[in-house]
Amino acid sequence: FIRFLDFKRLEEQNRQQAIENATERVRSAAMAMETRQDVEDVAEVLFREVRSLGIDTPGTSIFFIDPRTREMSHYLTSLNPGEDVLADHSTWDVVPTEPPWHFDEERIREQFESQQVAHYEESNSPDRVVEILCQYYGWEPEEAARSPLVELYSGDSILTRIPITHGVIDFREKRLHADHVAVVQELANALNFGFVRFLDFQRLEEQNKA
């Protein structure tokens, strides 16, 4: 029994170290942001680290809200939408989406202003997922219907949204795991300073153009 406890203790220490390492990688990527392309890089790092920590989500989103203009940008990172995705979960795509969006923009803003974590029960039909894929990837319905993402995003799931300093991030799972929410919150917190620095760069760029 003592040996069992030692193994459990070591397992917990390794898990915490993995979380700290992932958080540091997200923080480093966020602190390096200077351009919109860099935001895409951060979105990719966030998704990669979420998946590496055993959180089985098909995609993560970053909703960036400019504090001056209130304009919203959405960066979706999802498992590669190609037909081989189920055989190779190590690949993914970052998609900076454009309005009109499939989600409720006003609800995102309310979520941001509340600064409270929220969970939503969602149920997507295959036809609805095909519609969204066509919007995001510019596919024809027949092409979208062949993507394994239809299976991954269809059915019931829990969508969790976590506010950050200048926006909201979200991820979904088939069931709610409180420990997974806590992990993603740590990763979300690592984004905050980077976004503040990014906005400073954006203001400086605008001043130089003026």
C-alpha atoms as a PDB file:
ATOM      1  CA  PHE A   1       0.000   0.000   0.000  1.00  0.00           C
ATOM      2  CA  ILE A   2       2.896   2.354   0.770  1.00  0.00           C
ATOM      3  CA  ARG A   3       4.359   1.563  -2.658  1.00  0.00           C
ATOM      4  CA  PHE A   4       0.972   2.299  -4.223  1.00  0.00           C
ATOM      5  CA  LEU A   5       0.874   5.683  -2.474  1.00  0.00           C
ATOM      6  CA  ASP A   6       4.382   6.434  -3.700  1.00  0.00           C
ATOM      7  CA  PHE A   7       3.293   5.699  -7.265  1.00  0.00           C
ATOM      8  CA  LYS A   8       0.220   7.924  -6.872  1.00  0.00           C
ATOM      9  CA  ARG A   9       2.347  10.713  -5.468  1.00  0.00           C
ATOM     10  CA  LEU A  10       4.811  10.419  -8.349  1.00  0.00           C
ATOM     11  CA  GLU A  11       1.974  10.345 -10.860  1.00  0.00           C
ATOM     12  CA  GLU A  12       0.500  13.546  -9.406  1.00  0.00           C
ATOM     13  CA  GLN A  13       3.900  15.243  -9.424  1.00  0.00           C
ATOM     14  CA  ASN A  14       4.460  14.289 -13.055  1.00  0.00           C
ATOM     15  CA  ARG A  15       1.006  15.541 -14.001  1.00  0.00           C
ATOM     16  CA  GLN A  16       1.587  18.871 -12.284  1.00  0.00           C
ATOM     17  CA  GLN A  17       4.956  19.231 -13.960  1.00  0.00           C
ATOM     18  CA  ALA A  18       3.374  18.538 -17.347  1.00  0.00           C
ATOM     19  CA  ILE A  19       0.759  21.244 -16.686  1.00  0.00           C
ATOM     20  CA  GLU A  20       3.429  23.741 -15.637  1.00  0.00           C
ATOM     21  CA  ASN A  21       5.498  22.992 -18.742  1.00  0.00           C
ATOM     22  CA  ALA A  22       2.453  23.386 -21.002  1.00  0.00           C
ATOM     23  CA  THR A  23       1.514  26.644 -19.286  1.00  0.00           C
ATOM     24  CA  GLU A  24       5.006  28.010 -19.807  1.00  0.00           C
ATOM     25  CA  ARG A  25       4.922  27.128 -23.516  1.00  0.00           C
ATOM     26  CA  VAL A  26       1.595  28.937 -23.917  1.00  0.00           C
ATOM     27  CA  ARG A  27       2.917  31.937 -21.972  1.00  0.00           C
ATOM     28  CA  SER A  28       6.087  32.110 -24.075  1.00  0.00           C
ATOM     29  CA  ALA A  29       4.107  31.985 -27.325  1.00  0.00           C
ATOM     30  CA  ALA A  30       1.708  34.657 -26.051  1.00  0.00           C
ATOM     31  CA  MET A  31       4.534  36.958 -24.980  1.00  0.00           C
ATOM     32  CA  ALA A  32       6.038  36.716 -28.478  1.00  0.00           C
ATOM     33  CA  MET A  33       2.879  38.017 -30.196  1.00  0.00           C
ATOM     34  CA  GLU A  34       3.360  41.112 -32.333  1.00  0.00           C
ATOM     35  CA  THR A  35       1.165  40.529 -35.403  1.00  0.00           C
ATOM     36  CA  ARG A  36      -2.152  38.871 -36.244  1.00  0.00           C
ATOM     37  CA  GLN A  37      -0.201  35.928 -37.648  1.00  0.00           C
ATOM     38  CA  ASP A  38       1.322  35.482 -34.201  1.00  0.00           C
ATOM     39  CA  VAL A  39      -2.194  35.143 -32.745  1.00  0.00           C
ATOM     40  CA  GLU A  40      -2.684  32.154 -35.045  1.00  0.00           C
ATOM     41  CA  ASP A  41       0.559  30.674 -33.723  1.00  0.00           C
ATOM     42  CA  VAL A  42      -0.668  31.089 -30.142  1.00  0.00           C
ATOM     43  CA  ALA A  43      -3.995  29.453 -31.043  1.00  0.00           C
ATOM     44  CA  GLU A  44      -2.055  26.481 -32.395  1.00  0.00           C
ATOM     45  CA  VAL A  45       0.133  26.205 -29.277  1.00  0.00           C
ATOM     46  CA  LEU A  46      -2.909  26.384 -27.001  1.00  0.00           C
ATOM     47  CA  PHE A  47      -4.669  23.569 -28.848  1.00  0.00           C
ATOM     48  CA  ARG A  48      -1.541  21.408 -28.946  1.00  0.00           C
ATOM     49  CA  GLU A  49      -0.984  21.764 -25.203  1.00  0.00           C
ATOM     50  CA  VAL A  50      -4.641  21.114 -24.361  1.00  0.00           C
ATOM     51  CA  ARG A  51      -4.500  17.874 -26.350  1.00  0.00           C
ATOM     52  CA  SER A  52      -1.104  16.889 -24.907  1.00  0.00           C
ATOM     53  CA  LEU A  53      -2.585  17.042 -21.404  1.00  0.00           C
ATOM     54  CA  GLY A  54      -5.163  14.393 -22.249  1.00  0.00           C
ATOM     55  CA  ILE A  55      -8.133  16.661 -22.909  1.00  0.00           C
ATOM     56  CA  ASP A  56      -9.977  14.991 -25.767  1.00  0.00           C
ATOM     57  CA  THR A  57     -11.418  18.017 -27.538  1.00  0.00           C
ATOM     58  CA  PRO A  58     -11.669  18.193 -31.329  1.00  0.00           C
ATOM     59  CA  GLY A  59     -10.974  21.925 -31.280  1.00  0.00           C
ATOM     60  CA  THR A  60     -10.355  25.085 -29.274  1.00  0.00           C
ATOM     61  CA  SER A  61     -11.342  28.678 -30.016  1.00  0.00           C
ATOM     62  CA  ILE A  62      -9.867  32.025 -29.056  1.00  0.00           C
ATOM     63  CA  PHE A  63     -12.250  34.985 -29.279  1.00  0.00           C
ATOM     64  CA  PHE A  64     -10.164  38.143 -29.151  1.00  0.00           C
ATOM     65  CA  ILE A  65     -12.073  41.350 -28.272  1.00  0.00           C
ATOM     66  CA  ASP A  66     -10.335  44.667 -28.897  1.00  0.00           C
ATOM     67  CA  PRO A  67     -10.963  46.809 -25.780  1.00  0.00           C
ATOM     68  CA  ARG A  68     -11.076  50.053 -27.805  1.00  0.00           C
ATOM     69  CA  THR A  69     -13.140  49.115 -30.849  1.00  0.00           C
ATOM     70  CA  ARG A  70     -15.005  46.158 -29.297  1.00  0.00           C
ATOM     71  CA  GLU A  71     -14.382  44.306 -32.554  1.00  0.00           C
ATOM     72  CA  MET A  72     -14.174  40.532 -32.223  1.00  0.00           C
ATOM     73  CA  SER A  73     -11.750  38.144 -33.924  1.00  0.00           C
ATOM     74  CA  HIS A  74     -12.200  34.369 -33.836  1.00  0.00           C
ATOM     75  CA  TYR A  75      -9.400  31.820 -34.232  1.00  0.00           C
ATOM     76  CA  LEU A  76     -10.491  28.183 -34.418  1.00  0.00           C
ATOM     77  CA  THR A  77      -7.903  25.430 -34.080  1.00  0.00           C
ATOM     78  CA  SER A  78      -9.256  22.009 -34.940  1.00  0.00           C
ATOM     79  CA  LEU A  79      -7.997  18.550 -35.736  1.00  0.00           C
ATOM     80  CA  ASN A  80      -7.003  18.337 -39.378  1.00  0.00           C
ATOM     81  CA  PRO A  81     -10.272  18.251 -41.369  1.00  0.00           C
ATOM     82  CA  GLY A  82      -8.830  15.873 -43.970  1.00  0.00           C
ATOM     83  CA  GLU A  83     -10.012  12.313 -44.359  1.00  0.00           C
ATOM     84  CA  ASP A  84      -7.017  10.885 -42.454  1.00  0.00           C
ATOM     85  CA  VAL A  85      -7.742  12.762 -39.221  1.00  0.00           C
ATOM     86  CA  LEU A  86      -8.886   9.670 -37.300  1.00  0.00           C
ATOM     87  CA  ALA A  87      -5.629   7.921 -38.161  1.00  0.00           C
ATOM     88  CA  ASP A  88      -3.441  10.930 -37.363  1.00  0.00           C
ATOM     89  CA  HIS A  89      -4.516  13.088 -34.440  1.00  0.00           C
ATOM     90  CA  SER A  90      -1.168  14.880 -34.400  1.00  0.00           C
ATOM     91  CA  THR A  91      -2.163  17.334 -37.156  1.00  0.00           C
ATOM     92  CA  TRP A  92      -4.448  20.336 -36.955  1.00  0.00           C
ATOM     93  CA  ASP A  93      -5.463  23.543 -38.723  1.00  0.00           C
ATOM     94  CA  VAL A  94      -5.820  27.117 -37.454  1.00  0.00           C
ATOM     95  CA  VAL A  95      -8.690  28.987 -39.120  1.00  0.00           C
ATOM     96  CA  PRO A  96      -9.149  32.753 -38.589  1.00  0.00           C
ATOM     97  CA  THR A  97     -12.882  32.879 -39.280  1.00  0.00           C
ATOM     98  CA  GLU A  98     -14.914  35.751 -40.647  1.00  0.00           C
ATOM     99  CA  PRO A  99     -18.487  36.827 -39.842  1.00  0.00           C
ATOM    100  CA  PRO A 100     -21.281  35.935 -40.204  1.00  0.00           C
ATOM    101  CA  TRP A 101     -20.426  33.355 -37.554  1.00  0.00           C
ATOM    102  CA  HIS A 102     -22.368  30.252 -36.567  1.00  0.00           C
ATOM    103  CA  PHE A 103     -22.199  31.168 -32.872  1.00  0.00           C
ATOM    104  CA  ASP A 104     -24.042  33.838 -30.893  1.00  0.00           C
ATOM    105  CA  GLU A 105     -21.640  36.798 -30.887  1.00  0.00           C
ATOM    106  CA  GLU A 106     -23.624  38.655 -28.229  1.00  0.00           C
ATOM    107  CA  ARG A 107     -23.438  35.684 -25.870  1.00  0.00           C
ATOM    108  CA  ILE A 108     -19.652  35.635 -26.272  1.00  0.00           C
ATOM    109  CA  ARG A 109     -19.489  39.311 -25.334  1.00  0.00           C
ATOM    110  CA  GLU A 110     -21.719  38.737 -22.300  1.00  0.00           C
ATOM    111  CA  GLN A 111     -19.496  35.845 -21.276  1.00  0.00           C
ATOM    112  CA  PHE A 112     -16.433  38.061 -21.559  1.00  0.00           C
ATOM    113  CA  GLU A 113     -17.988  40.861 -19.527  1.00  0.00           C
ATOM    114  CA  SER A 114     -19.112  38.499 -16.767  1.00  0.00           C
ATOM    115  CA  GLN A 115     -15.571  37.055 -16.398  1.00  0.00           C
ATOM    116  CA  GLN A 116     -17.193  33.812 -15.208  1.00  0.00           C
ATOM    117  CA  VAL A 117     -16.574  30.313 -16.547  1.00  0.00           C
ATOM    118  CA  ALA A 118     -19.708  28.885 -18.174  1.00  0.00           C
ATOM    119  CA  HIS A 119     -20.754  25.480 -19.506  1.00  0.00           C
ATOM    120  CA  TYR A 120     -23.304  24.907 -22.247  1.00  0.00           C
ATOM    121  CA  GLU A 121     -24.964  21.696 -23.349  1.00  0.00           C
ATOM    122  CA  GLU A 122     -24.863  21.481 -27.124  1.00  0.00           C
ATOM    123  CA  SER A 123     -26.242  19.051 -29.657  1.00  0.00           C
ATOM    124  CA  ASN A 124     -25.180  19.291 -33.295  1.00  0.00           C
ATOM    125  CA  SER A 125     -26.689  17.269 -36.103  1.00  0.00           C
ATOM    126  CA  PRO A 126     -24.358  16.023 -38.853  1.00  0.00           C
ATOM    127  CA  ASP A 127     -26.067  18.409 -41.295  1.00  0.00           C
ATOM    128  CA  ARG A 128     -25.313  21.346 -38.996  1.00  0.00           C
ATOM    129  CA  VAL A 129     -21.645  20.353 -38.719  1.00  0.00           C
ATOM    130  CA  VAL A 130     -21.435  20.070 -42.528  1.00  0.00           C
ATOM    131  CA  GLU A 131     -22.892  23.570 -42.811  1.00  0.00           C
ATOM    132  CA  ILE A 132     -20.268  24.969 -40.415  1.00  0.00           C
ATOM    133  CA  LEU A 133     -17.413  23.188 -42.199  1.00  0.00           C
ATOM    134  CA  CYS A 134     -18.561  24.649 -45.506  1.00  0.00           C
ATOM    135  CA  GLN A 135     -18.514  28.105 -43.951  1.00  0.00           C
ATOM    136  CA  TYR A 136     -15.070  27.761 -42.361  1.00  0.00           C
ATOM    137  CA  TYR A 137     -13.209  25.832 -45.069  1.00  0.00           C
ATOM    138  CA  GLY A 138     -15.062  26.938 -48.187  1.00  0.00           C
ATOM    139  CA  TRP A 139     -16.011  23.363 -49.065  1.00  0.00           C
ATOM    140  CA  GLU A 140     -18.944  22.066 -51.024  1.00  0.00           C
ATOM    141  CA  PRO A 141     -21.430  20.053 -48.891  1.00  0.00           C
ATOM    142  CA  GLU A 142     -20.386  16.733 -50.467  1.00  0.00           C
ATOM    143  CA  GLU A 143     -16.743  17.372 -49.579  1.00  0.00           C
ATOM    144  CA  ALA A 144     -17.556  18.495 -46.035  1.00  0.00           C
ATOM    145  CA  ALA A 145     -19.746  15.434 -45.446  1.00  0.00           C
ATOM    146  CA  ARG A 146     -16.716  13.179 -45.992  1.00  0.00           C
ATOM    147  CA  SER A 147     -14.656  14.824 -43.258  1.00  0.00           C
ATOM    148  CA  PRO A 148     -14.213  12.841 -40.007  1.00  0.00           C
ATOM    149  CA  LEU A 149     -14.847  16.138 -38.197  1.00  0.00           C
ATOM    150  CA  VAL A 150     -18.545  15.565 -38.866  1.00  0.00           C
ATOM    151  CA  GLU A 151     -18.452  12.561 -36.548  1.00  0.00           C
ATOM    152  CA  LEU A 152     -16.246  14.315 -33.966  1.00  0.00           C
ATOM    153  CA  TYR A 153     -18.454  17.418 -33.698  1.00  0.00           C
ATOM    154  CA  SER A 154     -21.867  15.745 -34.047  1.00  0.00           C
ATOM    155  CA  GLY A 155     -24.026  14.681 -31.129  1.00  0.00           C
ATOM    156  CA  ASP A 156     -24.147  15.912 -27.547  1.00  0.00           C
ATOM    157  CA  SER A 157     -21.251  17.715 -25.927  1.00  0.00           C
ATOM    158  CA  ILE A 158     -20.401  20.205 -23.199  1.00  0.00           C
ATOM    159  CA  LEU A 159     -18.958  23.507 -24.395  1.00  0.00           C
ATOM    160  CA  THR A 160     -16.866  25.308 -21.771  1.00  0.00           C
ATOM    161  CA  ARG A 161     -16.068  29.003 -22.167  1.00  0.00           C
ATOM    162  CA  ILE A 162     -13.346  30.642 -20.080  1.00  0.00           C
ATOM    163  CA  PRO A 163     -12.927  34.455 -20.099  1.00  0.00           C
ATOM    164  CA  ILE A 164      -9.450  35.961 -20.414  1.00  0.00           C
ATOM    165  CA  THR A 165      -8.318  39.587 -20.150  1.00  0.00           C
ATOM    166  CA  HIS A 166      -9.222  40.448 -23.740  1.00  0.00           C
ATOM    167  CA  GLY A 167     -11.618  37.758 -24.814  1.00  0.00           C
ATOM    168  CA  VAL A 168     -12.799  34.205 -24.282  1.00  0.00           C
ATOM    169  CA  ILE A 169     -11.421  30.756 -25.055  1.00  0.00           C
ATOM    170  CA  ASP A 170     -13.522  27.626 -25.376  1.00  0.00           C
ATOM    171  CA  PHE A 171     -13.253  23.885 -25.789  1.00  0.00           C
ATOM    172  CA  ARG A 172     -15.710  21.005 -25.852  1.00  0.00           C
ATOM    173  CA  GLU A 173     -15.845  17.451 -24.545  1.00  0.00           C
ATOM    174  CA  LYS A 174     -18.476  14.738 -24.532  1.00  0.00           C
ATOM    175  CA  ARG A 175     -18.642  14.949 -20.722  1.00  0.00           C
ATOM    176  CA  LEU A 176     -17.723  17.710 -18.290  1.00  0.00           C
ATOM    177  CA  HIS A 177     -14.465  17.085 -16.401  1.00  0.00           C
ATOM    178  CA  ALA A 178     -13.845  19.619 -13.629  1.00  0.00           C
ATOM    179  CA  ASP A 179     -10.113  18.865 -13.568  1.00  0.00           C
ATOM    180  CA  HIS A 180      -9.876  19.548 -17.300  1.00  0.00           C
ATOM    181  CA  VAL A 181     -11.592  22.908 -16.833  1.00  0.00           C
ATOM    182  CA  ALA A 182      -9.043  23.804 -14.138  1.00  0.00           C
ATOM    183  CA  VAL A 183      -6.169  22.872 -16.466  1.00  0.00           C
ATOM    184  CA  VAL A 184      -7.499  24.959 -19.364  1.00  0.00           C
ATOM    185  CA  GLN A 185      -8.013  27.873 -16.961  1.00  0.00           C
ATOM    186  CA  GLU A 186      -4.310  27.751 -16.132  1.00  0.00           C
ATOM    187  CA  LEU A 187      -3.446  27.793 -19.819  1.00  0.00           C
ATOM    188  CA  ALA A 188      -5.920  30.642 -20.374  1.00  0.00           C
ATOM    189  CA  ASN A 189      -4.312  32.703 -17.629  1.00  0.00           C
ATOM    190  CA  ALA A 190      -0.976  32.290 -19.386  1.00  0.00           C
ATOM    191  CA  LEU A 191      -2.420  34.141 -22.401  1.00  0.00           C
ATOM    192  CA  ASN A 192      -3.325  37.308 -20.525  1.00  0.00           C
ATOM    193  CA  PHE A 193      -0.006  39.150 -20.347  1.00  0.00           C
ATOM    194  CA  GLY A 194       0.724  38.247 -23.938  1.00  0.00           C
ATOM    195  CA  PHE A 195      -2.494  39.840 -25.165  1.00  0.00           C
ATOM    196  CA  VAL A 196      -1.738  43.063 -23.270  1.00  0.00           C
ATOM    197  CA  ARG A 197       1.705  43.183 -24.896  1.00  0.00           C
ATOM    198  CA  PHE A 198       0.189  42.379 -28.289  1.00  0.00           C
ATOM    199  CA  LEU A 199      -2.203  45.334 -28.002  1.00  0.00           C
ATOM    200  CA  ASP A 200       0.737  47.617 -27.178  1.00  0.00           C
ATOM    201  CA  PHE A 201       2.457  46.506 -30.386  1.00  0.00           C
ATOM    202  CA  GLN A 202      -0.737  47.084 -32.366  1.00  0.00           C
ATOM    203  CA  ARG A 203      -1.095  50.636 -30.984  1.00  0.00           C
ATOM    204  CA  LEU A 204       2.544  51.412 -31.761  1.00  0.00           C
ATOM    205  CA  GLU A 205       2.096  50.134 -35.309  1.00  0.00           C
ATOM    206  CA  GLU A 206      -0.959  52.329 -35.791  1.00  0.00           C
ATOM    207  CA  GLN A 207       0.916  55.381 -34.427  1.00  0.00           C
ATOM    208  CA  ASN A 208       3.811  54.767 -36.810  1.00  0.00           C
ATOM    209  CA  LYS A 209       1.401  54.608 -39.753  1.00  0.00           C
ATOM    210  CA  ALA A 210      -0.325  57.846 -38.723  1.00  0.00           C
END
